[in-house]
Structure formats: C-alpha cells, structure tokens
Amino acid sequence: MERGVAYLIRTLEFILVALLAGMAIMVFSNVVLRYGFNSGLNISEEVSRYFFVWLTFIGAVLTFRENSHLGVETMVRLFGRRGRLVCMLLSNALILFCSAVLFWGTWKQMPINASMIAPVTGMPMIYIFGISFFTSVGIGLIALMRIVSVLTGTTTDAEIARFAGEYDHGTAEGRGE
C-alpha cells in the first residue's frame, strides 16, 4: 500500500514539474515570438493559464498531505497530546466537509462547464474546472484517513508534531516519507 502511495506521489510530482515546464516554455516562446517576430501563439496563453490552474489544484493535494498548508500552529503548540488530537480531529472534519462541498459544487456545475468551450482551444471547460474533482477527493481522502487515525488511536507522535508544525523540514520524516 505504501509503495503504491509513494508511486502515486512521485507521479503527481512529475506531473507538477511537467506542467510548470510546459508553462515556462509556452510563455517564454510567446515572449520571443511577440518581441522578436511581431507574432505570437494565442493557444499558448490559454493553455498556460489552464496548466497553472491544474498545477495549483494538484499541488494543493500534495501540500495538504505534507501538512504544509497555512495553519494556526501557535495555538496548537500550547496544547498537550490530547488537545492536539482534538484540534487535529476537528480541523480534518472541517476540511472533509469543505472537500465535500467542493465536490458537490463541481458536480452541480459540471453540465454547464461541459457545454461551454474555451475560446481558443475549443476544449470543453470541464477539462479545466473538473480538476476540482481530483482535489476534493484527494484532500477528502487524506482528511478521512487522518480522522480514522485519530479515532482509532493510531496517530503517531511524529504525525502530531507535523500537525503542530514541530518538525524539521529537511528530514525525510518531516516530508512525510
């Protein structure tokens, strides 16, 4: 199971690198074409924008997995183990709820986005906004696993320390590996 998760994480990281590289190449090429040859590629502006959206939403899942999102760690650090577990449970329950709302909202918007097309590429807009399905399911599953871990008492001290922001960013343990 852990091997599969590690493979999935590496694949997502590769996708993020590919999206960022694609964005950089398209924007740089467009700048060169505009200033050097007085022309440009309209498609590169639109696709680089879509790559940025996908990069952000895929990156949100990986960032959540590593407990790297913004948090109120100052307050959480004041608590002992039990208080930290309660905060972890409550925050992940709220995150699970927000993920469900994001999924439901994307589901309700899907017919509209599927019928609208992008102006330059002609791509259905669901390909752009549909990434919210991935993000809501990914973050929701991670939050659900954390809730189950707290409720079953299997949350480790290292996980609690990462939640409270008390870990070394440079170590493999701090990165969640």
N, C-alpha and C. Protein backbone atom coordinates (compact mmCIF):
# COMPACT_ATOMS: atom_id res chain seq x y z
N MET A 1 0.82 -1.19 0.00
CA MET A 1 0.00 0.00 0.00
C MET A 1 0.87 1.26 0.00
N GLU A 2 1.86 1.27 0.90
CA GLU A 2 2.73 2.44 0.98
C GLU A 2 3.54 2.62 -0.30
N ARG A 3 3.89 1.52 -0.91
CA ARG A 3 4.63 1.59 -2.17
C ARG A 3 3.77 2.22 -3.27
N GLY A 4 2.49 1.85 -3.29
CA GLY A 4 1.56 2.43 -4.26
C GLY A 4 1.36 3.91 -4.03
N VAL A 5 1.25 4.31 -2.76
CA VAL A 5 1.09 5.72 -2.43
C VAL A 5 2.33 6.50 -2.83
N ALA A 6 3.51 5.93 -2.55
CA ALA A 6 4.76 6.59 -2.93
C ALA A 6 4.85 6.76 -4.45
N TYR A 7 4.43 5.74 -5.18
CA TYR A 7 4.42 5.82 -6.64
C TYR A 7 3.45 6.91 -7.12
N LEU A 8 2.29 6.96 -6.51
CA LEU A 8 1.30 7.98 -6.87
C LEU A 8 1.85 9.39 -6.58
N ILE A 9 2.49 9.56 -5.45
CA ILE A 9 3.06 10.87 -5.09
C ILE A 9 4.13 11.26 -6.09
N ARG A 10 5.01 10.35 -6.44
CA ARG A 10 6.07 10.64 -7.42
C ARG A 10 5.46 10.98 -8.78
N THR A 11 4.41 10.28 -9.16
CA THR A 11 3.74 10.57 -10.43
C THR A 11 3.14 11.97 -10.42
N LEU A 12 2.48 12.31 -9.31
CA LEU A 12 1.90 13.66 -9.20
C LEU A 12 2.99 14.73 -9.20
N GLU A 13 4.10 14.46 -8.55
CA GLU A 13 5.22 15.42 -8.56
C GLU A 13 5.76 15.59 -9.97
N PHE A 14 5.86 14.49 -10.71
CA PHE A 14 6.30 14.56 -12.10
C PHE A 14 5.33 15.38 -12.94
N ILE A 15 4.05 15.18 -12.72
CA ILE A 15 3.03 15.95 -13.45
C ILE A 15 3.17 17.43 -13.14
N LEU A 16 3.41 17.76 -11.87
CA LEU A 16 3.61 19.17 -11.50
C LEU A 16 4.81 19.77 -12.20
N VAL A 17 5.90 19.03 -12.26
CA VAL A 17 7.10 19.51 -12.95
C VAL A 17 6.82 19.70 -14.43
N ALA A 18 6.11 18.73 -15.03
CA ALA A 18 5.78 18.84 -16.46
C ALA A 18 4.88 20.04 -16.73
N LEU A 19 3.91 20.28 -15.86
CA LEU A 19 3.03 21.44 -16.03
C LEU A 19 3.80 22.74 -15.91
N LEU A 20 4.68 22.82 -14.92
CA LEU A 20 5.47 24.03 -14.73
C LEU A 20 6.42 24.26 -15.91
N ALA A 21 7.04 23.19 -16.37
CA ALA A 21 7.93 23.31 -17.52
C ALA A 21 7.15 23.72 -18.77
N GLY A 22 5.98 23.12 -18.96
CA GLY A 22 5.14 23.49 -20.10
C GLY A 22 4.74 24.94 -20.06
N MET A 23 4.38 25.42 -18.86
CA MET A 23 4.03 26.84 -18.71
C MET A 23 5.20 27.73 -19.08
N ALA A 24 6.37 27.40 -18.54
CA ALA A 24 7.55 28.22 -18.79
C ALA A 24 7.91 28.25 -20.27
N ILE A 25 7.86 27.10 -20.91
CA ILE A 25 8.19 27.02 -22.34
C ILE A 25 7.19 27.82 -23.17
N MET A 26 5.91 27.65 -22.87
CA MET A 26 4.89 28.36 -23.66
C MET A 26 4.99 29.88 -23.48
N VAL A 27 5.15 30.33 -22.25
CA VAL A 27 5.23 31.78 -22.01
C VAL A 27 6.51 32.35 -22.61
N PHE A 28 7.63 31.66 -22.43
CA PHE A 28 8.89 32.15 -22.99
C PHE A 28 8.83 32.19 -24.52
N SER A 29 8.29 31.15 -25.11
CA SER A 29 8.17 31.13 -26.58
C SER A 29 7.29 32.26 -27.08
N ASN A 30 6.22 32.51 -26.37
CA ASN A 30 5.32 33.58 -26.78
C ASN A 30 5.99 34.95 -26.66
N VAL A 31 6.78 35.15 -25.61
CA VAL A 31 7.50 36.42 -25.45
C VAL A 31 8.49 36.60 -26.59
N VAL A 32 9.24 35.56 -26.91
CA VAL A 32 10.21 35.64 -28.01
C VAL A 32 9.50 35.93 -29.33
N LEU A 33 8.40 35.23 -29.58
CA LEU A 33 7.66 35.45 -30.83
C LEU A 33 7.08 36.86 -30.91
N ARG A 34 6.59 37.37 -29.81
CA ARG A 34 5.98 38.71 -29.84
C ARG A 34 7.01 39.80 -30.03
N TYR A 35 8.11 39.72 -29.29
CA TYR A 35 9.10 40.79 -29.36
C TYR A 35 10.10 40.60 -30.49
N GLY A 36 10.35 39.36 -30.86
CA GLY A 36 11.32 39.11 -31.91
C GLY A 36 10.74 39.06 -33.31
N PHE A 37 9.50 38.57 -33.42
CA PHE A 37 8.93 38.34 -34.74
C PHE A 37 7.57 39.01 -34.93
N ASN A 38 7.15 39.80 -33.95
CA ASN A 38 5.88 40.52 -34.00
C ASN A 38 4.69 39.60 -34.27
N SER A 39 4.73 38.42 -33.67
CA SER A 39 3.62 37.48 -33.78
C SER A 39 3.51 36.75 -32.44
N GLY A 40 2.65 35.80 -32.34
CA GLY A 40 2.51 35.04 -31.10
C GLY A 40 1.58 33.87 -31.29
N LEU A 41 1.51 33.06 -30.28
CA LEU A 41 0.62 31.90 -30.29
C LEU A 41 -0.49 32.12 -29.27
N ASN A 42 -1.69 32.35 -29.75
CA ASN A 42 -2.82 32.57 -28.85
C ASN A 42 -3.07 31.35 -27.96
N ILE A 43 -2.86 30.19 -28.52
CA ILE A 43 -3.12 28.96 -27.77
C ILE A 43 -2.21 28.84 -26.55
N SER A 44 -0.98 29.38 -26.64
CA SER A 44 -0.06 29.24 -25.52
C SER A 44 -0.52 30.05 -24.31
N GLU A 45 -1.17 31.18 -24.54
CA GLU A 45 -1.68 31.97 -23.41
C GLU A 45 -2.77 31.21 -22.68
N GLU A 46 -3.68 30.64 -23.43
CA GLU A 46 -4.80 29.93 -22.82
C GLU A 46 -4.35 28.65 -22.14
N VAL A 47 -3.52 27.87 -22.82
CA VAL A 47 -3.09 26.59 -22.25
C VAL A 47 -2.20 26.80 -21.03
N SER A 48 -1.34 27.82 -21.05
CA SER A 48 -0.50 28.07 -19.87
C SER A 48 -1.36 28.47 -18.68
N ARG A 49 -2.44 29.19 -18.92
CA ARG A 49 -3.38 29.53 -17.84
C ARG A 49 -4.01 28.27 -17.26
N TYR A 50 -4.41 27.36 -18.13
CA TYR A 50 -5.02 26.11 -17.68
C TYR A 50 -3.99 25.25 -16.93
N PHE A 51 -2.77 25.23 -17.42
CA PHE A 51 -1.71 24.50 -16.72
C PHE A 51 -1.53 25.05 -15.31
N PHE A 52 -1.63 26.37 -15.17
CA PHE A 52 -1.47 26.98 -13.85
C PHE A 52 -2.60 26.54 -12.91
N VAL A 53 -3.81 26.47 -13.42
CA VAL A 53 -4.94 26.01 -12.61
C VAL A 53 -4.71 24.57 -12.17
N TRP A 54 -4.34 23.71 -13.10
CA TRP A 54 -4.09 22.31 -12.77
C TRP A 54 -2.92 22.18 -11.79
N LEU A 55 -1.87 22.94 -12.00
CA LEU A 55 -0.71 22.93 -11.12
C LEU A 55 -1.13 23.29 -9.69
N THR A 56 -1.94 24.31 -9.57
CA THR A 56 -2.38 24.77 -8.25
C THR A 56 -3.23 23.72 -7.54
N PHE A 57 -4.18 23.14 -8.26
CA PHE A 57 -5.09 22.19 -7.63
C PHE A 57 -4.43 20.85 -7.32
N ILE A 58 -3.53 20.39 -8.17
CA ILE A 58 -2.80 19.15 -7.87
C ILE A 58 -1.82 19.40 -6.73
N GLY A 59 -1.17 20.56 -6.77
CA GLY A 59 -0.23 20.92 -5.71
C GLY A 59 -0.91 21.05 -4.35
N ALA A 60 -2.18 21.46 -4.34
CA ALA A 60 -2.92 21.58 -3.07
C ALA A 60 -3.04 20.23 -2.37
N VAL A 61 -3.24 19.18 -3.14
CA VAL A 61 -3.36 17.84 -2.54
C VAL A 61 -2.03 17.41 -1.94
N LEU A 62 -0.95 17.60 -2.69
CA LEU A 62 0.37 17.22 -2.17
C LEU A 62 0.76 18.06 -0.96
N THR A 63 0.42 19.33 -1.00
CA THR A 63 0.73 20.21 0.12
C THR A 63 -0.06 19.81 1.36
N PHE A 64 -1.31 19.46 1.19
CA PHE A 64 -2.12 19.01 2.32
C PHE A 64 -1.56 17.73 2.91
N ARG A 65 -1.12 16.84 2.06
CA ARG A 65 -0.55 15.58 2.54
C ARG A 65 0.66 15.81 3.43
N GLU A 66 1.43 16.85 3.12
CA GLU A 66 2.65 17.15 3.88
C GLU A 66 2.41 18.12 5.03
N ASN A 67 1.15 18.44 5.33
CA ASN A 67 0.80 19.42 6.37
C ASN A 67 1.49 20.76 6.14
N SER A 68 1.57 21.18 4.91
CA SER A 68 2.26 22.42 4.58
C SER A 68 1.32 23.58 4.31
N HIS A 69 0.02 23.37 4.43
CA HIS A 69 -0.91 24.47 4.27
C HIS A 69 -0.83 25.38 5.48
N LEU A 70 -1.38 26.56 5.34
CA LEU A 70 -1.43 27.50 6.44
C LEU A 70 -2.18 26.89 7.61
N GLY A 71 -1.67 27.09 8.80
CA GLY A 71 -2.34 26.58 9.98
C GLY A 71 -2.12 27.51 11.15
N VAL A 72 -2.92 27.32 12.19
CA VAL A 72 -2.77 28.11 13.41
C VAL A 72 -1.95 27.27 14.38
N GLU A 73 -0.69 27.13 14.05
CA GLU A 73 0.18 26.26 14.83
C GLU A 73 0.53 26.84 16.18
N THR A 74 0.50 28.16 16.30
CA THR A 74 0.85 28.79 17.57
C THR A 74 -0.10 28.32 18.67
N MET A 75 -1.39 28.25 18.36
CA MET A 75 -2.36 27.80 19.35
C MET A 75 -2.22 26.31 19.61
N VAL A 76 -2.04 25.54 18.56
CA VAL A 76 -1.96 24.08 18.70
C VAL A 76 -0.75 23.69 19.53
N ARG A 77 0.34 24.42 19.43
CA ARG A 77 1.55 24.09 20.19
C ARG A 77 1.36 24.26 21.69
N LEU A 78 0.37 25.03 22.10
CA LEU A 78 0.12 25.24 23.53
C LEU A 78 -0.51 24.02 24.19
N PHE A 79 -1.12 23.15 23.40
CA PHE A 79 -1.83 22.00 23.93
C PHE A 79 -0.91 20.80 24.09
N GLY A 80 -1.36 19.89 24.93
CA GLY A 80 -0.69 18.60 25.07
C GLY A 80 -1.17 17.65 23.98
N ARG A 81 -0.83 16.40 24.13
CA ARG A 81 -1.18 15.40 23.11
C ARG A 81 -2.69 15.33 22.88
N ARG A 82 -3.46 15.25 23.96
CA ARG A 82 -4.92 15.12 23.82
C ARG A 82 -5.52 16.34 23.14
N GLY A 83 -5.11 17.54 23.52
CA GLY A 83 -5.61 18.77 22.90
C GLY A 83 -5.25 18.85 21.43
N ARG A 84 -4.05 18.41 21.11
CA ARG A 84 -3.62 18.40 19.70
C ARG A 84 -4.44 17.42 18.89
N LEU A 85 -4.75 16.27 19.47
CA LEU A 85 -5.57 15.28 18.77
C LEU A 85 -6.98 15.82 18.53
N VAL A 86 -7.53 16.53 19.51
CA VAL A 86 -8.86 17.13 19.34
C VAL A 86 -8.82 18.16 18.22
N CYS A 87 -7.79 19.01 18.24
CA CYS A 87 -7.64 20.01 17.17
C CYS A 87 -7.48 19.34 15.81
N MET A 88 -6.70 18.27 15.77
CA MET A 88 -6.47 17.54 14.53
C MET A 88 -7.78 16.94 14.02
N LEU A 89 -8.56 16.37 14.93
CA LEU A 89 -9.83 15.77 14.57
C LEU A 89 -10.80 16.83 14.05
N LEU A 90 -10.92 17.94 14.77
CA LEU A 90 -11.85 19.00 14.36
C LEU A 90 -11.45 19.64 13.04
N SER A 91 -10.17 19.93 12.88
CA SER A 91 -9.73 20.58 11.64
C SER A 91 -9.90 19.66 10.44
N ASN A 92 -9.61 18.38 10.62
CA ASN A 92 -9.78 17.45 9.50
C ASN A 92 -11.25 17.18 9.20
N ALA A 93 -12.11 17.23 10.22
CA ALA A 93 -13.55 17.10 9.97
C ALA A 93 -14.05 18.31 9.17
N LEU A 94 -13.57 19.49 9.51
CA LEU A 94 -13.96 20.70 8.76
C LEU A 94 -13.43 20.63 7.33
N ILE A 95 -12.21 20.16 7.17
CA ILE A 95 -11.61 20.02 5.84
C ILE A 95 -12.38 18.98 5.01
N LEU A 96 -12.79 17.90 5.64
CA LEU A 96 -13.58 16.88 4.95
C LEU A 96 -14.92 17.47 4.48
N PHE A 97 -15.54 18.27 5.34
CA PHE A 97 -16.79 18.93 4.97
C PHE A 97 -16.57 19.87 3.77
N CYS A 98 -15.49 20.67 3.83
CA CYS A 98 -15.20 21.60 2.73
C CYS A 98 -14.89 20.85 1.43
N SER A 99 -14.22 19.72 1.54
CA SER A 99 -13.95 18.90 0.35
C SER A 99 -15.25 18.38 -0.25
N ALA A 100 -16.18 17.98 0.61
CA ALA A 100 -17.48 17.50 0.13
C ALA A 100 -18.24 18.63 -0.57
N VAL A 101 -18.18 19.83 0.00
CA VAL A 101 -18.85 20.97 -0.63
C VAL A 101 -18.21 21.29 -1.98
N LEU A 102 -16.87 21.24 -2.06
CA LEU A 102 -16.18 21.48 -3.33
C LEU A 102 -16.58 20.43 -4.37
N PHE A 103 -16.62 19.17 -3.97
CA PHE A 103 -17.02 18.11 -4.90
C PHE A 103 -18.46 18.33 -5.37
N TRP A 104 -19.36 18.60 -4.44
CA TRP A 104 -20.76 18.79 -4.78
C TRP A 104 -20.94 20.00 -5.70
N GLY A 105 -20.24 21.10 -5.40
CA GLY A 105 -20.33 22.28 -6.25
C GLY A 105 -19.82 22.03 -7.65
N THR A 106 -18.72 21.29 -7.75
CA THR A 106 -18.18 20.95 -9.07
C THR A 106 -19.15 20.04 -9.81
N TRP A 107 -19.77 19.11 -9.09
CA TRP A 107 -20.75 18.20 -9.69
C TRP A 107 -21.94 18.97 -10.23
N LYS A 108 -22.42 19.95 -9.46
CA LYS A 108 -23.56 20.74 -9.89
C LYS A 108 -23.20 21.64 -11.08
N GLN A 109 -21.98 22.09 -11.16
CA GLN A 109 -21.52 22.97 -12.24
C GLN A 109 -21.11 22.19 -13.49
N MET A 110 -20.93 20.88 -13.35
CA MET A 110 -20.39 20.07 -14.44
C MET A 110 -21.19 20.19 -15.75
N PRO A 111 -22.51 20.14 -15.75
CA PRO A 111 -23.22 20.27 -17.03
C PRO A 111 -22.96 21.61 -17.73
N ILE A 112 -22.86 22.66 -16.95
CA ILE A 112 -22.60 23.98 -17.53
C ILE A 112 -21.18 24.01 -18.12
N ASN A 113 -20.21 23.54 -17.33
CA ASN A 113 -18.82 23.56 -17.79
C ASN A 113 -18.59 22.62 -18.97
N ALA A 114 -19.33 21.53 -19.01
CA ALA A 114 -19.18 20.59 -20.13
C ALA A 114 -19.72 21.17 -21.43
N SER A 115 -20.70 22.07 -21.32
CA SER A 115 -21.29 22.64 -22.52
C SER A 115 -20.57 23.91 -22.99
N MET A 116 -19.79 24.53 -22.13
CA MET A 116 -19.03 25.72 -22.52
C MET A 116 -17.69 25.30 -23.10
N ILE A 117 -17.22 26.02 -24.11
CA ILE A 117 -15.93 25.68 -24.70
C ILE A 117 -14.97 26.85 -24.54
N ALA A 118 -13.69 26.52 -24.45
CA ALA A 118 -12.65 27.53 -24.32
C ALA A 118 -12.57 28.32 -25.63
N PRO A 119 -12.30 29.62 -25.56
CA PRO A 119 -12.34 30.45 -26.78
C PRO A 119 -11.30 30.09 -27.83
N VAL A 120 -10.10 29.73 -27.45
CA VAL A 120 -9.05 29.49 -28.43
C VAL A 120 -8.89 28.00 -28.74
N THR A 121 -8.80 27.18 -27.71
CA THR A 121 -8.55 25.75 -27.93
C THR A 121 -9.81 24.99 -28.31
N GLY A 122 -10.99 25.51 -27.95
CA GLY A 122 -12.22 24.80 -28.22
C GLY A 122 -12.46 23.63 -27.29
N MET A 123 -11.69 23.55 -26.23
CA MET A 123 -11.78 22.48 -25.25
C MET A 123 -12.99 22.71 -24.34
N PRO A 124 -13.75 21.67 -23.99
CA PRO A 124 -14.81 21.87 -23.01
C PRO A 124 -14.22 22.34 -21.67
N MET A 125 -14.86 23.29 -21.05
CA MET A 125 -14.32 23.88 -19.82
C MET A 125 -14.30 22.90 -18.64
N ILE A 126 -15.01 21.78 -18.76
CA ILE A 126 -14.96 20.79 -17.70
C ILE A 126 -13.56 20.22 -17.54
N TYR A 127 -12.75 20.22 -18.63
CA TYR A 127 -11.38 19.74 -18.53
C TYR A 127 -10.53 20.67 -17.66
N ILE A 128 -10.92 21.90 -17.56
CA ILE A 128 -10.19 22.85 -16.74
C ILE A 128 -10.73 22.82 -15.31
N PHE A 129 -12.05 22.99 -15.17
CA PHE A 129 -12.65 23.07 -13.84
C PHE A 129 -12.87 21.71 -13.20
N GLY A 130 -12.83 20.66 -13.97
CA GLY A 130 -13.01 19.31 -13.45
C GLY A 130 -11.89 18.86 -12.54
N ILE A 131 -10.76 19.57 -12.55
CA ILE A 131 -9.64 19.23 -11.66
C ILE A 131 -10.09 19.35 -10.20
N SER A 132 -11.17 20.09 -9.96
CA SER A 132 -11.70 20.20 -8.59
C SER A 132 -12.18 18.85 -8.07
N PHE A 133 -12.62 17.96 -8.96
CA PHE A 133 -12.98 16.60 -8.52
C PHE A 133 -11.77 15.92 -7.90
N PHE A 134 -10.63 15.97 -8.61
CA PHE A 134 -9.41 15.35 -8.11
C PHE A 134 -9.01 15.94 -6.77
N THR A 135 -9.04 17.27 -6.68
CA THR A 135 -8.60 17.94 -5.46
C THR A 135 -9.52 17.62 -4.29
N SER A 136 -10.82 17.67 -4.51
CA SER A 136 -11.75 17.41 -3.41
C SER A 136 -11.65 15.96 -2.94
N VAL A 137 -11.53 15.03 -3.86
CA VAL A 137 -11.40 13.62 -3.48
C VAL A 137 -10.06 13.37 -2.80
N GLY A 138 -8.98 13.92 -3.35
CA GLY A 138 -7.65 13.71 -2.77
C GLY A 138 -7.54 14.26 -1.36
N ILE A 139 -7.92 15.51 -1.18
CA ILE A 139 -7.85 16.12 0.15
C ILE A 139 -8.85 15.46 1.10
N GLY A 140 -10.03 15.12 0.57
CA GLY A 140 -11.03 14.45 1.40
C GLY A 140 -10.56 13.10 1.91
N LEU A 141 -9.92 12.32 1.05
CA LEU A 141 -9.42 11.01 1.48
C LEU A 141 -8.31 11.14 2.52
N ILE A 142 -7.41 12.10 2.33
CA ILE A 142 -6.34 12.31 3.30
C ILE A 142 -6.93 12.73 4.64
N ALA A 143 -7.90 13.65 4.63
CA ALA A 143 -8.54 14.10 5.87
C ALA A 143 -9.28 12.94 6.53
N LEU A 144 -9.98 12.13 5.73
CA LEU A 144 -10.70 10.98 6.28
C LEU A 144 -9.73 9.98 6.92
N MET A 145 -8.61 9.72 6.28
CA MET A 145 -7.61 8.81 6.85
C MET A 145 -7.07 9.36 8.17
N ARG A 146 -6.88 10.68 8.24
CA ARG A 146 -6.40 11.29 9.48
C ARG A 146 -7.46 11.20 10.58
N ILE A 147 -8.71 11.38 10.23
CA ILE A 147 -9.80 11.26 11.21
C ILE A 147 -9.86 9.84 11.75
N VAL A 148 -9.78 8.86 10.87
CA VAL A 148 -9.80 7.46 11.29
C VAL A 148 -8.60 7.17 12.18
N SER A 149 -7.45 7.71 11.82
CA SER A 149 -6.24 7.50 12.61
C SER A 149 -6.39 8.07 14.03
N VAL A 150 -6.99 9.24 14.14
CA VAL A 150 -7.20 9.84 15.47
C VAL A 150 -8.21 9.02 16.26
N LEU A 151 -9.32 8.64 15.63
CA LEU A 151 -10.38 7.91 16.33
C LEU A 151 -9.97 6.51 16.75
N THR A 152 -9.09 5.88 15.98
CA THR A 152 -8.63 4.53 16.34
C THR A 152 -7.40 4.56 17.24
N GLY A 153 -6.86 5.73 17.49
CA GLY A 153 -5.71 5.85 18.38
C GLY A 153 -4.39 5.45 17.75
N THR A 154 -4.32 5.45 16.42
CA THR A 154 -3.09 5.03 15.75
C THR A 154 -2.25 6.22 15.27
N THR A 155 -2.62 7.42 15.66
CA THR A 155 -1.86 8.60 15.26
C THR A 155 -0.53 8.60 16.02
N THR A 156 0.57 8.70 15.27
CA THR A 156 1.89 8.68 15.89
C THR A 156 2.27 10.07 16.40
N ASP A 157 3.27 10.09 17.27
CA ASP A 157 3.78 11.37 17.78
C ASP A 157 4.36 12.21 16.66
N ALA A 158 4.95 11.57 15.66
CA ALA A 158 5.52 12.30 14.52
C ALA A 158 4.42 12.99 13.72
N GLU A 159 3.28 12.32 13.54
CA GLU A 159 2.15 12.92 12.82
C GLU A 159 1.58 14.11 13.59
N ILE A 160 1.50 13.96 14.90
CA ILE A 160 1.00 15.06 15.73
C ILE A 160 1.98 16.24 15.68
N ALA A 161 3.27 15.94 15.70
CA ALA A 161 4.29 17.01 15.62
C ALA A 161 4.22 17.72 14.27
N ARG A 162 4.01 16.98 13.19
CA ARG A 162 3.86 17.62 11.87
C ARG A 162 2.62 18.50 11.84
N PHE A 163 1.54 18.02 12.44
CA PHE A 163 0.31 18.81 12.50
C PHE A 163 0.52 20.10 13.28
N ALA A 164 1.31 20.03 14.34
CA ALA A 164 1.57 21.20 15.18
C ALA A 164 2.70 22.06 14.65
N GLY A 165 3.31 21.65 13.54
CA GLY A 165 4.38 22.43 12.95
C GLY A 165 5.71 22.27 13.65
N GLU A 166 5.88 21.19 14.38
CA GLU A 166 7.12 20.95 15.14
C GLU A 166 7.96 19.86 14.50
N TYR A 167 8.34 20.04 13.28
CA TYR A 167 9.17 19.05 12.61
C TYR A 167 10.24 19.76 11.82
N ASP A 168 11.26 19.01 11.48
CA ASP A 168 12.37 19.54 10.70
C ASP A 168 12.03 19.39 9.23
N HIS A 169 11.95 20.50 8.50
CA HIS A 169 11.59 20.46 7.08
C HIS A 169 12.61 19.72 6.23
N GLY A 170 13.82 19.56 6.70
CA GLY A 170 14.87 18.96 5.90
C GLY A 170 14.95 17.44 5.99
N THR A 171 14.28 16.85 6.96
CA THR A 171 14.40 15.40 7.12
C THR A 171 13.35 14.68 6.31
N ALA A 172 13.62 13.41 6.05
CA ALA A 172 12.65 12.60 5.31
C ALA A 172 11.38 12.44 6.13
N GLU A 173 11.51 12.33 7.45
CA GLU A 173 10.35 12.18 8.31
C GLU A 173 9.48 13.43 8.26
N GLY A 174 10.10 14.59 8.19
CA GLY A 174 9.38 15.86 8.11
C GLY A 174 8.61 16.03 6.82
N ARG A 175 9.07 15.38 5.75
CA ARG A 175 8.39 15.47 4.45
C ARG A 175 7.30 14.43 4.33
N GLY A 176 7.12 13.59 5.34
CA GLY A 176 6.05 12.60 5.28
C GLY A 176 6.45 11.34 4.54
N GLU A 177 7.72 11.12 4.35
CA GLU A 177 8.17 9.93 3.61
C GLU A 177 8.50 8.81 4.56
